Amino acid sequence: MRVKDEVIGVINVGSNCPQKFRNEDLELLSTLSGEVAVSIHNATLFNELEELYIETIKAFVEAIEAKDSYTRGHSENVTKYAIMIADKIDFSEEDKRTIKSAGLLHDIGKIGIKEDILNKPGGLTKEEYDIVKTHPYIAVQILGQISNLKDVIPIIYHHHEKYDGKGYLKKLKGEEIPLGARILAVVDSFDAMTSARPYRPALSFDKAVKKLKENVGK
């Protein structure tokens, strides 16, 4: 089996009967070996692209965390919780991969937000909060040209929508919000509540769950 001038494998065909194979069989096998060689080569290239894609996502996440010291580990936590929910509601493996990528990259747009706003020890002014609210839009500008992420983009873009329509960026409500974005909204809130901030201590698990239940439908 050859790809260009490189031998990448061999096919061996045997028979207990003498003179079993004819020239027509050899020609057929030669054609098949060419097809198999191309398939194996393409699969190898695909695996290499997948590895590069995963490494690129990891680099993006590291860039986010380097800029926003208060959310170090947040993207991994959000991803972990999102996958737990995806497992519980029987997402397909492909949809799990999508929610995993979305969880890791949901805050990538914060790269475009000034550090003095991200790391401000107290509450934000309205103007500062309006700037922070642009991070899903910035994320789409950064990631929108990557074809592998086309299914991830709507999840990231809408993960700050609220069920009652009072979120951002598009003020979608209910099931207008993509399911992946609804999952991220919940787990993002949960991890934020259970993480300490300079201006407040972390909530306990039970208190965070109580808050989630109080806000069902909102």
C-alpha atoms as a PDB file:
ATOM      1  CA  MET A   1       0.000   0.000   0.000  1.00  0.00           C
ATOM      2  CA  ARG A   2       1.629   3.224  -1.200  1.00  0.00           C
ATOM      3  CA  VAL A   3       0.921   6.917  -0.670  1.00  0.00           C
ATOM      4  CA  LYS A   4       3.007   8.799  -3.219  1.00  0.00           C
ATOM      5  CA  ASP A   5       6.374   7.036  -2.958  1.00  0.00           C
ATOM      6  CA  GLU A   6       5.988   5.844   0.629  1.00  0.00           C
ATOM      7  CA  VAL A   7       4.982   2.304   1.534  1.00  0.00           C
ATOM      8  CA  ILE A   8       2.601   2.577   4.511  1.00  0.00           C
ATOM      9  CA  GLY A   9       1.594  -1.085   4.784  1.00  0.00           C
ATOM     10  CA  VAL A  10       1.053  -4.395   3.016  1.00  0.00           C
ATOM     11  CA  ILE A  11      -1.932  -6.597   2.237  1.00  0.00           C
ATOM     12  CA  ASN A  12      -1.272 -10.327   2.233  1.00  0.00           C
ATOM     13  CA  VAL A  13      -3.756 -12.743   0.643  1.00  0.00           C
ATOM     14  CA  GLY A  14      -3.281 -16.487   0.915  1.00  0.00           C
ATOM     15  CA  SER A  15      -5.058 -19.671  -0.168  1.00  0.00           C
ATOM     16  CA  ASN A  16      -4.620 -23.374   0.493  1.00  0.00           C
ATOM     17  CA  CYS A  17      -5.530 -24.140  -3.129  1.00  0.00           C
ATOM     18  CA  PRO A  18      -2.759 -23.950  -5.769  1.00  0.00           C
ATOM     19  CA  GLN A  19      -3.306 -21.575  -8.690  1.00  0.00           C
ATOM     20  CA  LYS A  20      -6.256 -20.022  -6.789  1.00  0.00           C
ATOM     21  CA  PHE A  21      -5.610 -16.414  -7.906  1.00  0.00           C
ATOM     22  CA  ARG A  22      -5.750 -15.068 -11.454  1.00  0.00           C
ATOM     23  CA  ASN A  23      -4.442 -11.862 -12.968  1.00  0.00           C
ATOM     24  CA  GLU A  24      -7.911 -10.325 -12.574  1.00  0.00           C
ATOM     25  CA  ASP A  25      -7.680 -10.957  -8.815  1.00  0.00           C
ATOM     26  CA  LEU A  26      -4.289  -9.262  -8.701  1.00  0.00           C
ATOM     27  CA  GLU A  27      -5.657  -6.231 -10.522  1.00  0.00           C
ATOM     28  CA  LEU A  28      -8.635  -6.026  -8.142  1.00  0.00           C
ATOM     29  CA  LEU A  29      -6.373  -6.366  -5.110  1.00  0.00           C
ATOM     30  CA  SER A  30      -4.047  -3.691  -6.489  1.00  0.00           C
ATOM     31  CA  THR A  31      -7.009  -1.302  -6.856  1.00  0.00           C
ATOM     32  CA  LEU A  32      -8.254  -2.102  -3.356  1.00  0.00           C
ATOM     33  CA  SER A  33      -4.824  -1.594  -1.819  1.00  0.00           C
ATOM     34  CA  GLY A  34      -4.657   1.866  -3.387  1.00  0.00           C
ATOM     35  CA  GLU A  35      -8.057   2.794  -1.928  1.00  0.00           C
ATOM     36  CA  VAL A  36      -7.107   1.416   1.499  1.00  0.00           C
ATOM     37  CA  ALA A  37      -3.796   3.309   1.462  1.00  0.00           C
ATOM     38  CA  VAL A  38      -5.567   6.614   0.762  1.00  0.00           C
ATOM     39  CA  SER A  39      -8.137   5.930   3.517  1.00  0.00           C
ATOM     40  CA  ILE A  40      -5.433   5.120   6.081  1.00  0.00           C
ATOM     41  CA  HIS A  41      -3.465   8.226   5.093  1.00  0.00           C
ATOM     42  CA  ASN A  42      -6.546  10.477   5.378  1.00  0.00           C
ATOM     43  CA  ALA A  43      -7.414   8.991   8.783  1.00  0.00           C
ATOM     44  CA  THR A  44      -3.882   9.726   9.996  1.00  0.00           C
ATOM     45  CA  LEU A  45      -4.124  13.327   8.793  1.00  0.00           C
ATOM     46  CA  PHE A  46      -7.517  13.689  10.501  1.00  0.00           C
ATOM     47  CA  ASN A  47      -6.113  12.430  13.808  1.00  0.00           C
ATOM     48  CA  GLU A  48      -3.228  14.896  13.551  1.00  0.00           C
ATOM     49  CA  LEU A  49      -5.691  17.739  12.902  1.00  0.00           C
ATOM     50  CA  GLU A  50      -7.795  16.667  15.884  1.00  0.00           C
ATOM     51  CA  GLU A  51      -4.712  16.747  18.115  1.00  0.00           C
ATOM     52  CA  LEU A  52      -3.752  20.189  16.787  1.00  0.00           C
ATOM     53  CA  TYR A  53      -7.317  21.408  17.383  1.00  0.00           C
ATOM     54  CA  ILE A  54      -7.284  20.196  21.001  1.00  0.00           C
ATOM     55  CA  GLU A  55      -3.884  21.778  21.632  1.00  0.00           C
ATOM     56  CA  THR A  56      -5.137  25.050  20.136  1.00  0.00           C
ATOM     57  CA  ILE A  57      -8.135  25.042  22.496  1.00  0.00           C
ATOM     58  CA  LYS A  58      -5.817  24.428  25.469  1.00  0.00           C
ATOM     59  CA  ALA A  59      -3.642  27.369  24.391  1.00  0.00           C
ATOM     60  CA  PHE A  60      -6.737  29.601  24.191  1.00  0.00           C
ATOM     61  CA  VAL A  61      -7.795  28.574  27.699  1.00  0.00           C
ATOM     62  CA  GLU A  62      -4.322  29.322  29.092  1.00  0.00           C
ATOM     63  CA  ALA A  63      -4.482  32.753  27.469  1.00  0.00           C
ATOM     64  CA  ILE A  64      -7.824  33.481  29.184  1.00  0.00           C
ATOM     65  CA  GLU A  65      -6.569  32.392  32.587  1.00  0.00           C
ATOM     66  CA  ALA A  66      -3.362  34.412  32.271  1.00  0.00           C
ATOM     67  CA  LYS A  67      -5.475  37.538  31.777  1.00  0.00           C
ATOM     68  CA  ASP A  68      -8.154  36.930  34.427  1.00  0.00           C
ATOM     69  CA  SER A  69      -6.574  35.639  37.630  1.00  0.00           C
ATOM     70  CA  TYR A  70      -9.937  35.228  39.401  1.00  0.00           C
ATOM     71  CA  THR A  71     -11.216  32.638  36.938  1.00  0.00           C
ATOM     72  CA  ARG A  72      -8.210  30.308  36.916  1.00  0.00           C
ATOM     73  CA  GLY A  73      -9.623  26.790  36.608  1.00  0.00           C
ATOM     74  CA  HIS A  74     -13.118  28.153  35.899  1.00  0.00           C
ATOM     75  CA  SER A  75     -13.239  26.971  32.273  1.00  0.00           C
ATOM     76  CA  GLU A  76     -12.237  23.437  33.270  1.00  0.00           C
ATOM     77  CA  ASN A  77     -14.872  23.381  36.035  1.00  0.00           C
ATOM     78  CA  VAL A  78     -17.580  24.648  33.677  1.00  0.00           C
ATOM     79  CA  THR A  79     -16.591  21.991  31.148  1.00  0.00           C
ATOM     80  CA  LYS A  80     -16.663  19.236  33.757  1.00  0.00           C
ATOM     81  CA  TYR A  81     -20.138  20.200  34.985  1.00  0.00           C
ATOM     82  CA  ALA A  82     -21.458  20.645  31.429  1.00  0.00           C
ATOM     83  CA  ILE A  83     -20.326  17.161  30.430  1.00  0.00           C
ATOM     84  CA  MET A  84     -21.958  15.726  33.580  1.00  0.00           C
ATOM     85  CA  ILE A  85     -25.270  17.265  32.498  1.00  0.00           C
ATOM     86  CA  ALA A  86     -24.745  16.134  28.884  1.00  0.00           C
ATOM     87  CA  ASP A  87     -24.233  12.568  30.149  1.00  0.00           C
ATOM     88  CA  LYS A  88     -27.374  12.808  32.288  1.00  0.00           C
ATOM     89  CA  ILE A  89     -29.586  13.907  29.382  1.00  0.00           C
ATOM     90  CA  ASP A  90     -28.057  11.415  26.911  1.00  0.00           C
ATOM     91  CA  PHE A  91     -26.198  13.734  24.543  1.00  0.00           C
ATOM     92  CA  SER A  92     -24.587  11.997  21.563  1.00  0.00           C
ATOM     93  CA  GLU A  93     -20.794  11.689  21.597  1.00  0.00           C
ATOM     94  CA  GLU A  94     -20.574  14.415  18.950  1.00  0.00           C
ATOM     95  CA  ASP A  95     -22.748  16.780  21.023  1.00  0.00           C
ATOM     96  CA  LYS A  96     -20.593  16.027  24.085  1.00  0.00           C
ATOM     97  CA  ARG A  97     -17.494  17.041  22.137  1.00  0.00           C
ATOM     98  CA  THR A  98     -19.258  20.256  21.129  1.00  0.00           C
ATOM     99  CA  ILE A  99     -20.283  21.141  24.695  1.00  0.00           C
ATOM    100  CA  LYS A 100     -16.764  20.310  25.882  1.00  0.00           C
ATOM    101  CA  SER A 101     -15.226  22.757  23.406  1.00  0.00           C
ATOM    102  CA  ALA A 102     -17.838  25.381  24.266  1.00  0.00           C
ATOM    103  CA  GLY A 103     -17.152  24.989  27.987  1.00  0.00           C
ATOM    104  CA  LEU A 104     -13.418  25.386  27.550  1.00  0.00           C
ATOM    105  CA  LEU A 105     -13.780  28.423  25.269  1.00  0.00           C
ATOM    106  CA  HIS A 106     -16.875  30.170  26.638  1.00  0.00           C
ATOM    107  CA  ASP A 107     -14.869  33.034  28.146  1.00  0.00           C
ATOM    108  CA  ILE A 108     -12.291  33.401  25.355  1.00  0.00           C
ATOM    109  CA  GLY A 109     -13.776  36.827  24.533  1.00  0.00           C
ATOM    110  CA  LYS A 110     -12.385  38.151  27.824  1.00  0.00           C
ATOM    111  CA  ILE A 111      -9.048  38.367  26.035  1.00  0.00           C
ATOM    112  CA  GLY A 112     -10.483  41.566  24.558  1.00  0.00           C
ATOM    113  CA  ILE A 113     -11.476  43.067  27.939  1.00  0.00           C
ATOM    114  CA  LYS A 114      -9.051  45.277  29.874  1.00  0.00           C
ATOM    115  CA  GLU A 115      -7.336  43.558  32.777  1.00  0.00           C
ATOM    116  CA  ASP A 116      -8.129  46.352  35.233  1.00  0.00           C
ATOM    117  CA  ILE A 117     -11.832  45.609  34.677  1.00  0.00           C
ATOM    118  CA  LEU A 118     -11.466  41.821  34.818  1.00  0.00           C
ATOM    119  CA  ASN A 119      -9.363  41.939  37.981  1.00  0.00           C
ATOM    120  CA  LYS A 120     -11.182  44.778  39.738  1.00  0.00           C
ATOM    121  CA  PRO A 121     -11.485  43.829  43.419  1.00  0.00           C
ATOM    122  CA  GLY A 122     -14.870  45.508  43.938  1.00  0.00           C
ATOM    123  CA  GLY A 123     -18.138  45.713  42.032  1.00  0.00           C
ATOM    124  CA  LEU A 124     -18.246  47.011  38.458  1.00  0.00           C
ATOM    125  CA  THR A 125     -19.819  50.276  37.340  1.00  0.00           C
ATOM    126  CA  LYS A 126     -22.590  50.080  34.728  1.00  0.00           C
ATOM    127  CA  GLU A 127     -20.136  51.186  32.059  1.00  0.00           C
ATOM    128  CA  GLU A 128     -17.621  48.534  33.084  1.00  0.00           C
ATOM    129  CA  TYR A 129     -20.296  45.840  33.173  1.00  0.00           C
ATOM    130  CA  ASP A 130     -21.468  46.847  29.693  1.00  0.00           C
ATOM    131  CA  ILE A 131     -17.902  46.306  28.479  1.00  0.00           C
ATOM    132  CA  VAL A 132     -17.699  42.875  30.132  1.00  0.00           C
ATOM    133  CA  LYS A 133     -21.001  41.929  28.476  1.00  0.00           C
ATOM    134  CA  THR A 134     -19.335  42.223  25.052  1.00  0.00           C
ATOM    135  CA  HIS A 135     -17.137  39.158  25.652  1.00  0.00           C
ATOM    136  CA  PRO A 136     -19.437  36.642  23.881  1.00  0.00           C
ATOM    137  CA  TYR A 137     -19.397  38.908  20.810  1.00  0.00           C
ATOM    138  CA  ILE A 138     -15.598  39.172  20.948  1.00  0.00           C
ATOM    139  CA  ALA A 139     -15.416  35.369  21.236  1.00  0.00           C
ATOM    140  CA  VAL A 140     -17.366  34.978  17.991  1.00  0.00           C
ATOM    141  CA  GLN A 141     -15.004  37.401  16.247  1.00  0.00           C
ATOM    142  CA  ILE A 142     -12.026  35.346  17.419  1.00  0.00           C
ATOM    143  CA  LEU A 143     -13.428  31.870  16.738  1.00  0.00           C
ATOM    144  CA  GLY A 144     -15.868  32.469  13.901  1.00  0.00           C
ATOM    145  CA  GLN A 145     -13.461  31.570  11.092  1.00  0.00           C
ATOM    146  CA  ILE A 146     -12.557  28.143  12.531  1.00  0.00           C
ATOM    147  CA  SER A 147     -14.735  25.619  10.692  1.00  0.00           C
ATOM    148  CA  ASN A 148     -14.367  22.984  13.431  1.00  0.00           C
ATOM    149  CA  LEU A 149     -16.121  25.367  15.839  1.00  0.00           C
ATOM    150  CA  LYS A 150     -19.237  26.192  13.811  1.00  0.00           C
ATOM    151  CA  ASP A 151     -21.482  24.267  16.235  1.00  0.00           C
ATOM    152  CA  VAL A 152     -19.702  25.748  19.256  1.00  0.00           C
ATOM    153  CA  ILE A 153     -20.235  29.391  18.255  1.00  0.00           C
ATOM    154  CA  PRO A 154     -24.008  29.660  19.054  1.00  0.00           C
ATOM    155  CA  ILE A 155     -23.441  28.099  22.483  1.00  0.00           C
ATOM    156  CA  ILE A 156     -20.708  30.583  23.376  1.00  0.00           C
ATOM    157  CA  TYR A 157     -22.571  33.536  21.880  1.00  0.00           C
ATOM    158  CA  HIS A 158     -25.765  32.866  23.865  1.00  0.00           C
ATOM    159  CA  HIS A 159     -24.433  31.491  27.159  1.00  0.00           C
ATOM    160  CA  HIS A 160     -25.445  34.681  29.026  1.00  0.00           C
ATOM    161  CA  GLU A 161     -29.046  34.646  27.845  1.00  0.00           C
ATOM    162  CA  LYS A 162     -31.666  34.124  30.579  1.00  0.00           C
ATOM    163  CA  TYR A 163     -34.781  32.001  30.460  1.00  0.00           C
ATOM    164  CA  ASP A 164     -36.988  35.036  31.093  1.00  0.00           C
ATOM    165  CA  GLY A 165     -35.398  37.003  28.222  1.00  0.00           C
ATOM    166  CA  LYS A 166     -33.469  39.432  30.420  1.00  0.00           C
ATOM    167  CA  GLY A 167     -29.990  38.218  29.540  1.00  0.00           C
ATOM    168  CA  TYR A 168     -27.610  39.262  26.771  1.00  0.00           C
ATOM    169  CA  LEU A 169     -26.668  39.579  23.899  1.00  0.00           C
ATOM    170  CA  LYS A 170     -29.956  38.978  22.044  1.00  0.00           C
ATOM    171  CA  LYS A 171     -32.433  38.767  24.936  1.00  0.00           C
ATOM    172  CA  LEU A 172     -33.609  35.341  23.805  1.00  0.00           C
ATOM    173  CA  LYS A 173     -35.989  33.516  26.130  1.00  0.00           C
ATOM    174  CA  GLY A 174     -36.940  29.948  26.923  1.00  0.00           C
ATOM    175  CA  GLU A 175     -36.222  27.399  24.238  1.00  0.00           C
ATOM    176  CA  GLU A 176     -35.166  30.114  21.806  1.00  0.00           C
ATOM    177  CA  ILE A 177     -31.829  29.758  23.615  1.00  0.00           C
ATOM    178  CA  PRO A 178     -29.742  26.848  22.255  1.00  0.00           C
ATOM    179  CA  LEU A 179     -29.750  23.904  24.672  1.00  0.00           C
ATOM    180  CA  GLY A 180     -25.957  23.952  24.973  1.00  0.00           C
ATOM    181  CA  ALA A 181     -26.067  27.628  25.918  1.00  0.00           C
ATOM    182  CA  ARG A 182     -28.721  26.929  28.574  1.00  0.00           C
ATOM    183  CA  ILE A 183     -26.503  24.235  30.061  1.00  0.00           C
ATOM    184  CA  LEU A 184     -23.498  26.576  30.114  1.00  0.00           C
ATOM    185  CA  ALA A 185     -25.573  29.330  31.732  1.00  0.00           C
ATOM    186  CA  VAL A 186     -26.398  27.018  34.640  1.00  0.00           C
ATOM    187  CA  VAL A 187     -22.943  25.542  35.186  1.00  0.00           C
ATOM    188  CA  ASP A 188     -21.230  28.912  34.663  1.00  0.00           C
ATOM    189  CA  SER A 189     -23.423  30.438  37.382  1.00  0.00           C
ATOM    190  CA  PHE A 190     -22.901  27.459  39.682  1.00  0.00           C
ATOM    191  CA  ASP A 191     -19.103  27.588  39.435  1.00  0.00           C
ATOM    192  CA  ALA A 192     -19.091  31.372  39.903  1.00  0.00           C
ATOM    193  CA  MET A 193     -21.224  31.081  43.055  1.00  0.00           C
ATOM    194  CA  THR A 194     -19.063  28.330  44.558  1.00  0.00           C
ATOM    195  CA  SER A 195     -15.791  30.193  43.851  1.00  0.00           C
ATOM    196  CA  ALA A 196     -14.402  32.898  46.145  1.00  0.00           C
ATOM    197  CA  ARG A 197     -14.057  36.450  44.872  1.00  0.00           C
ATOM    198  CA  PRO A 198     -12.244  39.426  46.486  1.00  0.00           C
ATOM    199  CA  TYR A 199     -15.606  41.015  47.264  1.00  0.00           C
ATOM    200  CA  ARG A 200     -17.410  37.900  48.594  1.00  0.00           C
ATOM    201  CA  PRO A 201     -16.714  34.385  49.926  1.00  0.00           C
ATOM    202  CA  ALA A 202     -17.689  31.264  48.025  1.00  0.00           C
ATOM    203  CA  LEU A 203     -21.183  29.888  48.592  1.00  0.00           C
ATOM    204  CA  SER A 204     -21.537  26.350  49.880  1.00  0.00           C
ATOM    205  CA  PHE A 205     -22.736  23.641  47.507  1.00  0.00           C
ATOM    206  CA  ASP A 206     -26.186  23.563  49.141  1.00  0.00           C
ATOM    207  CA  LYS A 207     -26.625  27.346  49.017  1.00  0.00           C
ATOM    208  CA  ALA A 208     -25.585  27.466  45.359  1.00  0.00           C
ATOM    209  CA  VAL A 209     -28.085  24.718  44.488  1.00  0.00           C
ATOM    210  CA  LYS A 210     -30.781  26.602  46.428  1.00  0.00           C
ATOM    211  CA  LYS A 211     -30.003  29.737  44.379  1.00  0.00           C
ATOM    212  CA  LEU A 212     -30.278  27.760  41.145  1.00  0.00           C
ATOM    213  CA  LYS A 213     -33.675  26.369  42.167  1.00  0.00           C
ATOM    214  CA  GLU A 214     -34.904  29.820  43.196  1.00  0.00           C
ATOM    215  CA  ASN A 215     -34.077  31.090  39.700  1.00  0.00           C
ATOM    216  CA  VAL A 216     -35.716  28.300  37.703  1.00  0.00           C
ATOM    217  CA  GLY A 217     -37.620  29.883  34.821  1.00  0.00           C
ATOM    218  CA  LYS A 218     -35.757  33.167  35.261  1.00  0.00           C
END
